[in-house]
Amino acid sequence: MNWFLKGLKKGIKTEKFPKTNPIDIAPWSTELNGSGNVNCPTKAIDNGSWNSERCIYCRRCYPLYSPTGNIDIFKVNKKNNIFRRSFYVYPIDIGTCGGCNLELKLISSPQYDMTRFGIFFTNTPRHADALIIMGVMTEGMKEPLLNAYEAMPEPKLIIALGVCAISGGILGTGSQIEPDVIIPGCPPNPYTILKALIEAKGDKE
């Protein structure tokens, strides 16, 4: 039986995550643990301590540091229960390599299905509850980013997706807008993104 017929027979199966553990996760997008000093290009490891907000997962620290599989490396500093029924997010690329864009898009696929949690993409910041910022801050995107932020209605959340938007990664500086939600990774995996958005909207798993 070829792959096409196998797919028809199996059908579309959406994971039960976050009620169950992730089925297949990329280890080098999760928490790192270890000890020792390494020559980290982004200073993500300093004095034996790992900073997820600076890590680009270049693996120069391996084998002194290795992934644990823990996806809970995000921070939700602000949430709003008003978004529990529906949560519209507007992604904006201010200078990415494309990695964060691809991982973010995956959460809308049948495997993860963000819509079962009431999470949706919107094509305009005027209809957005949250602004998802991706990439390093580039000169040409400073004004469009500010315009998108100002066009959003209140209340609103700002989400920094990926280490470039958070700290600039290895290339430059992060977003100049203070984020309410921080999702580290280079790029973050879909499980981490989805779980962070669920928590940010004030929902229960």
Foldseek 3Di string as FASTA:
>chain_A
DDPVVVDVVVDQDADPPPVDDDDDDDQLQADKAAADDFDDLQPCADNGHGNLLQDLSPCRCPPRIGGDSHLQPKDQQAADLVCQQAAEEEEDEQAAPCPQVVQQVVCCDSHNNLVVRRYYYDHALLPHQEYEYEAAHDPVCLVVVVVSVVNHDPPHFYEYFESCQRQNHNHHGHDPDDGSMYRYYNHHHNSSVSVSVCVRHVHDD
